[in-house]
Structures are given as structure tokens and as C-alpha cells.
PDB file of N, CA and C in Angstrom:
ATOM      1  N   MET A   1     -64.879 -13.054  25.883  1.00  0.00           N
ATOM      2  CA  MET A   1     -64.001 -13.730  26.795  1.00  0.00           C
ATOM      3  C   MET A   1     -63.024 -14.847  25.950  1.00  0.00           C
ATOM      4  N   HIS A   2     -61.679 -14.738  26.225  1.00  0.00           N
ATOM      5  CA  HIS A   2     -60.653 -15.333  25.188  1.00  0.00           C
ATOM      6  C   HIS A   2     -60.541 -16.723  25.859  1.00  0.00           C
ATOM      7  N   GLY A   3     -60.345 -17.629  25.026  1.00  0.00           N
ATOM      8  CA  GLY A   3     -60.073 -19.147  25.239  1.00  0.00           C
ATOM      9  C   GLY A   3     -61.580 -19.654  25.406  1.00  0.00           C
ATOM     10  N   PRO A   4     -61.552 -20.954  25.598  1.00  0.00           N
ATOM     11  CA  PRO A   4     -62.886 -21.881  25.583  1.00  0.00           C
ATOM     12  C   PRO A   4     -63.690 -21.312  26.811  1.00  0.00           C
ATOM     13  N   ARG A   5     -65.002 -21.432  26.715  1.00  0.00           N
ATOM     14  CA  ARG A   5     -66.162 -21.221  27.660  1.00  0.00           C
ATOM     15  C   ARG A   5     -66.195 -22.531  28.434  1.00  0.00           C
ATOM     16  N   LEU A   6     -66.171 -22.438  29.794  1.00  0.00           N
ATOM     17  CA  LEU A   6     -66.524 -23.620  30.614  1.00  0.00           C
ATOM     18  C   LEU A   6     -68.190 -23.428  31.009  1.00  0.00           C
ATOM     19  N   VAL A   7     -68.445 -24.566  31.228  1.00  0.00           N
ATOM     20  CA  VAL A   7     -69.818 -24.818  31.517  1.00  0.00           C
ATOM     21  C   VAL A   7     -70.268 -23.824  32.615  1.00  0.00           C
ATOM     22  N   LEU A   8     -71.318 -23.453  32.381  1.00  0.00           N
ATOM     23  CA  LEU A   8     -72.024 -22.181  33.446  1.00  0.00           C
ATOM     24  C   LEU A   8     -71.108 -21.297  33.921  1.00  0.00           C
ATOM     25  N   ASN A   9     -69.908 -20.918  33.300  1.00  0.00           N
ATOM     26  CA  ASN A   9     -69.117 -19.703  33.598  1.00  0.00           C
ATOM     27  C   ASN A   9     -68.849 -19.670  35.254  1.00  0.00           C
ATOM     28  N   PRO A  10     -67.982 -20.516  35.939  1.00  0.00           N
ATOM     29  CA  PRO A  10     -67.918 -20.550  37.283  1.00  0.00           C
ATOM     30  C   PRO A  10     -67.311 -19.434  37.564  1.00  0.00           C
ATOM     31  N   GLU A  11     -67.596 -19.000  39.040  1.00  0.00           N
ATOM     32  CA  GLU A  11     -66.882 -17.872  39.579  1.00  0.00           C
ATOM     33  C   GLU A  11     -65.507 -18.375  40.355  1.00  0.00           C
ATOM     34  N   VAL A  12     -65.424 -19.694  40.742  1.00  0.00           N
ATOM     35  CA  VAL A  12     -64.436 -20.275  41.301  1.00  0.00           C
ATOM     36  C   VAL A  12     -63.994 -21.687  40.628  1.00  0.00           C
ATOM     37  N   LEU A  13     -62.874 -21.739  40.250  1.00  0.00           N
ATOM     38  CA  LEU A  13     -62.472 -23.010  39.579  1.00  0.00           C
ATOM     39  C   LEU A  13     -61.560 -23.819  40.427  1.00  0.00           C
ATOM     40  N   LEU A  14     -61.516 -25.074  40.728  1.00  0.00           N
ATOM     41  CA  LEU A  14     -60.866 -25.848  41.588  1.00  0.00           C
ATOM     42  C   LEU A  14     -60.010 -26.615  40.672  1.00  0.00           C
ATOM     43  N   LEU A  15     -58.825 -26.570  40.625  1.00  0.00           N
ATOM     44  CA  LEU A  15     -57.644 -27.491  39.966  1.00  0.00           C
ATOM     45  C   LEU A  15     -56.725 -28.267  40.852  1.00  0.00           C
ATOM     46  N   ASP A  16     -56.881 -29.612  40.671  1.00  0.00           N
ATOM     47  CA  ASP A  16     -55.828 -30.546  41.432  1.00  0.00           C
ATOM     48  C   ASP A  16     -54.904 -30.903  40.375  1.00  0.00           C
ATOM     49  N   GLU A  17     -53.664 -30.613  40.461  1.00  0.00           N
ATOM     50  CA  GLU A  17     -52.573 -30.970  39.612  1.00  0.00           C
ATOM     51  C   GLU A  17     -53.014 -31.265  38.145  1.00  0.00           C
ATOM     52  N   PRO A  18     -53.449 -30.040  37.548  1.00  0.00           N
ATOM     53  CA  PRO A  18     -54.037 -29.965  35.977  1.00  0.00           C
ATOM     54  C   PRO A  18     -53.042 -30.466  35.077  1.00  0.00           C
ATOM     55  N   THR A  19     -51.806 -30.424  35.248  1.00  0.00           N
ATOM     56  CA  THR A  19     -50.802 -30.850  34.389  1.00  0.00           C
ATOM     57  C   THR A  19     -50.044 -32.096  34.487  1.00  0.00           C
ATOM     58  N   SER A  20     -50.471 -32.731  35.691  1.00  0.00           N
ATOM     59  CA  SER A  20     -49.800 -34.028  36.087  1.00  0.00           C
ATOM     60  C   SER A  20     -49.647 -34.997  34.933  1.00  0.00           C
ATOM     61  N   SER A  21     -48.634 -35.368  34.721  1.00  0.00           N
ATOM     62  CA  SER A  21     -48.267 -36.432  33.584  1.00  0.00           C
ATOM     63  C   SER A  21     -48.297 -35.925  32.009  1.00  0.00           C
ATOM     64  N   LEU A  22     -48.511 -34.800  31.945  1.00  0.00           N
ATOM     65  CA  LEU A  22     -48.628 -34.174  30.651  1.00  0.00           C
ATOM     66  C   LEU A  22     -47.372 -33.872  30.011  1.00  0.00           C
ATOM     67  N   ASP A  23     -46.990 -34.002  28.802  1.00  0.00           N
ATOM     68  CA  ASP A  23     -45.512 -33.520  28.268  1.00  0.00           C
ATOM     69  C   ASP A  23     -45.744 -32.095  28.180  1.00  0.00           C
ATOM     70  N   ALA A  24     -44.515 -31.406  27.770  1.00  0.00           N
ATOM     71  CA  ALA A  24     -44.301 -29.897  27.885  1.00  0.00           C
ATOM     72  C   ALA A  24     -45.162 -29.091  27.169  1.00  0.00           C
ATOM     73  N   ALA A  25     -45.530 -29.482  25.920  1.00  0.00           N
ATOM     74  CA  ALA A  25     -46.487 -28.796  25.083  1.00  0.00           C
ATOM     75  C   ALA A  25     -47.752 -28.617  25.480  1.00  0.00           C
ATOM     76  N   ALA A  26     -48.265 -29.888  25.970  1.00  0.00           N
ATOM     77  CA  ALA A  26     -49.678 -29.818  26.677  1.00  0.00           C
ATOM     78  C   ALA A  26     -49.690 -29.022  27.916  1.00  0.00           C
ATOM     79  N   THR A  27     -48.664 -29.202  28.660  1.00  0.00           N
ATOM     80  CA  THR A  27     -48.489 -28.181  29.985  1.00  0.00           C
ATOM     81  C   THR A  27     -48.542 -26.779  29.716  1.00  0.00           C
ATOM     82  N   GLU A  28     -47.744 -26.310  28.670  1.00  0.00           N
ATOM     83  CA  GLU A  28     -47.850 -25.003  28.128  1.00  0.00           C
ATOM     84  C   GLU A  28     -49.201 -24.539  27.731  1.00  0.00           C
ATOM     85  N   THR A  29     -49.972 -25.336  27.216  1.00  0.00           N
ATOM     86  CA  THR A  29     -51.317 -25.109  26.717  1.00  0.00           C
ATOM     87  C   THR A  29     -52.281 -24.820  27.685  1.00  0.00           C
ATOM     88  N   ILE A  30     -52.277 -25.805  28.861  1.00  0.00           N
ATOM     89  CA  ILE A  30     -53.112 -25.698  30.148  1.00  0.00           C
ATOM     90  C   ILE A  30     -52.673 -24.486  30.877  1.00  0.00           C
ATOM     91  N   GLU A  31     -51.386 -24.217  30.841  1.00  0.00           N
ATOM     92  CA  GLU A  31     -50.963 -22.929  31.644  1.00  0.00           C
ATOM     93  C   GLU A  31     -51.404 -21.684  30.969  1.00  0.00           C
ATOM     94  N   ARG A  32     -51.463 -21.508  29.711  1.00  0.00           N
ATOM     95  CA  ARG A  32     -51.942 -20.456  28.794  1.00  0.00           C
ATOM     96  C   ARG A  32     -53.457 -20.567  29.022  1.00  0.00           C
ATOM     97  N   LEU A  33     -54.105 -21.534  29.230  1.00  0.00           N
ATOM     98  CA  LEU A  33     -55.717 -21.472  29.457  1.00  0.00           C
ATOM     99  C   LEU A  33     -55.840 -21.006  30.934  1.00  0.00           C
ATOM    100  N   ILE A  34     -55.222 -21.392  31.985  1.00  0.00           N
ATOM    101  CA  ILE A  34     -55.350 -20.865  33.225  1.00  0.00           C
ATOM    102  C   ILE A  34     -54.857 -19.367  33.375  1.00  0.00           C
ATOM    103  N   MET A  35     -54.105 -18.919  32.572  1.00  0.00           N
ATOM    104  CA  MET A  35     -53.739 -17.526  32.569  1.00  0.00           C
ATOM    105  C   MET A  35     -54.798 -16.692  32.087  1.00  0.00           C
ATOM    106  N   ASP A  36     -55.571 -17.334  31.078  1.00  0.00           N
ATOM    107  CA  ASP A  36     -56.819 -16.589  30.418  1.00  0.00           C
ATOM    108  C   ASP A  36     -57.885 -16.646  31.224  1.00  0.00           C
ATOM    109  N   LEU A  37     -58.246 -17.846  32.032  1.00  0.00           N
ATOM    110  CA  LEU A  37     -59.467 -18.026  32.744  1.00  0.00           C
ATOM    111  C   LEU A  37     -59.376 -17.290  34.194  1.00  0.00           C
ATOM    112  N   LYS A  38     -58.035 -17.103  34.671  1.00  0.00           N
ATOM    113  CA  LYS A  38     -57.954 -16.195  35.992  1.00  0.00           C
ATOM    114  C   LYS A  38     -58.322 -14.776  35.618  1.00  0.00           C
ATOM    115  N   GLN A  39     -58.624 -14.468  34.568  1.00  0.00           N
ATOM    116  CA  GLN A  39     -59.035 -12.942  34.006  1.00  0.00           C
ATOM    117  C   GLN A  39     -60.628 -12.900  34.512  1.00  0.00           C
ATOM    118  N   THR A  40     -61.293 -14.111  34.632  1.00  0.00           N
ATOM    119  CA  THR A  40     -62.819 -14.019  34.700  1.00  0.00           C
ATOM    120  C   THR A  40     -63.232 -14.664  35.883  1.00  0.00           C
ATOM    121  N   CYS A  41     -62.367 -15.441  36.369  1.00  0.00           N
ATOM    122  CA  CYS A  41     -62.843 -16.404  37.755  1.00  0.00           C
ATOM    123  C   CYS A  41     -61.667 -16.452  38.768  1.00  0.00           C
ATOM    124  N   THR A  42     -61.884 -16.804  39.879  1.00  0.00           N
ATOM    125  CA  THR A  42     -60.862 -17.189  40.866  1.00  0.00           C
ATOM    126  C   THR A  42     -60.620 -18.573  40.612  1.00  0.00           C
ATOM    127  N   ILE A  43     -59.136 -18.819  40.670  1.00  0.00           N
ATOM    128  CA  ILE A  43     -58.623 -20.204  40.412  1.00  0.00           C
ATOM    129  C   ILE A  43     -58.029 -20.680  41.654  1.00  0.00           C
ATOM    130  N   VAL A  44     -58.364 -21.777  42.270  1.00  0.00           N
ATOM    131  CA  VAL A  44     -57.531 -22.475  43.431  1.00  0.00           C
ATOM    132  C   VAL A  44     -56.846 -23.700  42.683  1.00  0.00           C
ATOM    133  N   MET A  45     -55.497 -23.815  42.740  1.00  0.00           N
ATOM    134  CA  MET A  45     -54.802 -24.920  42.158  1.00  0.00           C
ATOM    135  C   MET A  45     -54.041 -25.403  43.290  1.00  0.00           C
ATOM    136  N   VAL A  46     -53.882 -26.757  43.255  1.00  0.00           N
ATOM    137  CA  VAL A  46     -53.174 -27.529  43.929  1.00  0.00           C
ATOM    138  C   VAL A  46     -51.897 -27.933  42.951  1.00  0.00           C
ATOM    139  N   SER A  47     -50.600 -27.810  43.387  1.00  0.00           N
ATOM    140  CA  SER A  47     -49.707 -28.370  42.425  1.00  0.00           C
ATOM    141  C   SER A  47     -48.369 -28.524  43.453  1.00  0.00           C
ATOM    142  N   HIS A  48     -47.642 -29.601  43.026  1.00  0.00           N
ATOM    143  CA  HIS A  48     -46.217 -29.865  43.514  1.00  0.00           C
ATOM    144  C   HIS A  48     -45.152 -29.170  42.642  1.00  0.00           C
ATOM    145  N   ASP A  49     -45.508 -28.653  41.609  1.00  0.00           N
ATOM    146  CA  ASP A  49     -44.531 -27.939  40.591  1.00  0.00           C
ATOM    147  C   ASP A  49     -44.352 -26.679  40.917  1.00  0.00           C
ATOM    148  N   ARG A  50     -43.311 -26.322  41.970  1.00  0.00           N
ATOM    149  CA  ARG A  50     -43.251 -24.796  42.463  1.00  0.00           C
ATOM    150  C   ARG A  50     -42.771 -24.068  41.008  1.00  0.00           C
ATOM    151  N   ALA A  51     -42.229 -24.511  40.112  1.00  0.00           N
ATOM    152  CA  ALA A  51     -41.838 -23.540  39.022  1.00  0.00           C
ATOM    153  C   ALA A  51     -43.188 -23.335  38.186  1.00  0.00           C
ATOM    154  N   GLN A  52     -44.217 -24.167  38.248  1.00  0.00           N
ATOM    155  CA  GLN A  52     -45.278 -23.861  37.593  1.00  0.00           C
ATOM    156  C   GLN A  52     -46.131 -22.670  38.176  1.00  0.00           C
ATOM    157  N   VAL A  53     -46.177 -23.130  39.504  1.00  0.00           N
ATOM    158  CA  VAL A  53     -46.926 -22.183  40.663  1.00  0.00           C
ATOM    159  C   VAL A  53     -46.448 -20.776  40.345  1.00  0.00           C
ATOM    160  N   GLU A  54     -44.947 -20.602  40.316  1.00  0.00           N
ATOM    161  CA  GLU A  54     -44.659 -19.164  40.031  1.00  0.00           C
ATOM    162  C   GLU A  54     -44.731 -18.739  38.877  1.00  0.00           C
ATOM    163  N   ARG A  55     -45.082 -19.361  37.718  1.00  0.00           N
ATOM    164  CA  ARG A  55     -45.511 -19.038  36.514  1.00  0.00           C
ATOM    165  C   ARG A  55     -46.755 -18.423  36.326  1.00  0.00           C
ATOM    166  N   VAL A  56     -47.707 -19.257  37.027  1.00  0.00           N
ATOM    167  CA  VAL A  56     -49.156 -18.764  36.853  1.00  0.00           C
ATOM    168  C   VAL A  56     -49.744 -18.305  37.955  1.00  0.00           C
ATOM    169  N   ALA A  57     -49.436 -18.512  39.306  1.00  0.00           N
ATOM    170  CA  ALA A  57     -50.210 -17.826  40.204  1.00  0.00           C
ATOM    171  C   ALA A  57     -49.811 -16.493  40.573  1.00  0.00           C
ATOM    172  N   ASP A  58     -51.011 -15.748  41.157  1.00  0.00           N
ATOM    173  CA  ASP A  58     -50.925 -14.382  41.714  1.00  0.00           C
ATOM    174  C   ASP A  58     -50.354 -14.604  43.149  1.00  0.00           C
ATOM    175  N   GLY A  59     -50.616 -15.536  43.668  1.00  0.00           N
ATOM    176  CA  GLY A  59     -49.889 -15.846  45.295  1.00  0.00           C
ATOM    177  C   GLY A  59     -50.274 -17.229  45.523  1.00  0.00           C
ATOM    178  N   TRP A  60     -49.486 -17.669  46.577  1.00  0.00           N
ATOM    179  CA  TRP A  60     -49.757 -19.133  46.880  1.00  0.00           C
ATOM    180  C   TRP A  60     -49.419 -19.343  48.389  1.00  0.00           C
ATOM    181  N   VAL A  61     -49.703 -20.557  48.917  1.00  0.00           N
ATOM    182  CA  VAL A  61     -49.589 -20.849  50.105  1.00  0.00           C
ATOM    183  C   VAL A  61     -48.856 -22.258  50.172  1.00  0.00           C
ATOM    184  N   THR A  62     -47.651 -22.475  50.996  1.00  0.00           N
ATOM    185  CA  THR A  62     -47.142 -23.697  51.024  1.00  0.00           C
ATOM    186  C   THR A  62     -47.469 -24.515  52.335  1.00  0.00           C
ATOM    187  N   LEU A  63     -47.755 -25.750  51.983  1.00  0.00           N
ATOM    188  CA  LEU A  63     -48.305 -26.570  53.083  1.00  0.00           C
ATOM    189  C   LEU A  63     -47.336 -27.569  53.482  1.00  0.00           C
ATOM    190  N   VAL A  64     -47.006 -27.802  54.763  1.00  0.00           N
ATOM    191  CA  VAL A  64     -46.220 -29.006  55.095  1.00  0.00           C
ATOM    192  C   VAL A  64     -46.744 -29.716  56.144  1.00  0.00           C
ATOM    193  N   ASP A  65     -47.128 -30.928  55.828  1.00  0.00           N
ATOM    194  CA  ASP A  65     -47.927 -31.729  56.949  1.00  0.00           C
ATOM    195  C   ASP A  65     -49.154 -31.259  57.262  1.00  0.00           C
ATOM    196  N   GLY A  66     -49.906 -30.726  56.233  1.00  0.00           N
ATOM    197  CA  GLY A  66     -51.091 -30.005  56.397  1.00  0.00           C
ATOM    198  C   GLY A  66     -51.289 -28.735  57.192  1.00  0.00           C
ATOM    199  N   ARG A  67     -49.966 -28.213  57.305  1.00  0.00           N
ATOM    200  CA  ARG A  67     -50.213 -26.821  58.134  1.00  0.00           C
ATOM    201  C   ARG A  67     -49.376 -25.862  57.037  1.00  0.00           C
ATOM    202  N   VAL A  68     -49.918 -24.603  57.251  1.00  0.00           N
ATOM    203  CA  VAL A  68     -49.381 -23.517  56.482  1.00  0.00           C
ATOM    204  C   VAL A  68     -47.962 -23.323  56.897  1.00  0.00           C
ATOM    205  N   ALA A  69     -46.941 -23.439  55.922  1.00  0.00           N
ATOM    206  CA  ALA A  69     -45.455 -23.224  56.287  1.00  0.00           C
ATOM    207  C   ALA A  69     -44.883 -22.160  55.546  1.00  0.00           C
ATOM    208  N   GLY A  70     -45.594 -21.498  54.745  1.00  0.00           N
ATOM    209  CA  GLY A  70     -45.214 -19.953  54.109  1.00  0.00           C
ATOM    210  C   GLY A  70     -46.141 -19.509  53.128  1.00  0.00           C
ATOM    211  N   ARG A  71     -45.993 -18.427  52.840  1.00  0.00           N
ATOM    212  CA  ARG A  71     -47.003 -17.466  51.930  1.00  0.00           C
ATOM    213  C   ARG A  71     -46.123 -16.832  50.869  1.00  0.00           C
TER     214      ARG A  71
END
């Protein structure tokens, strides 16, 4: 497995704004880690950063007022 091993090798990893308040270098490191991890587990990530979602996601759902507004 590439990258660090997570405790117990989860099948699903939930991330809530994983790069919030990080600088560009740290954000890039986390995004590379996400790209590596998604090869071995399912990742569900919440983000307000659409550009980041487009860089790392295989698919996404947009919510507006708690309702699905786009896919």
C-alpha cells in the first residue's frame, strides 16, 4: 500500500473539510494522501471547495438547504 497505513485499514473513510484552514503546501499533501487512499477504501468527503472536489473526487453530489441540487 502506498502512503501511510490507517488504523485497522477502514473500508470507508469519512472526511469533513479535511484541508480547512491549511496552507497550500499542506493542502496538496492531504490531497495526494486522499488520492492514494481512494485506491484501497471508499472515501466520503464534505467540502465547500469545489475546485478541490473536482481535483480529488470520482463523483459528487451538491446539496442546497439539505437537498440534492445536482450530481
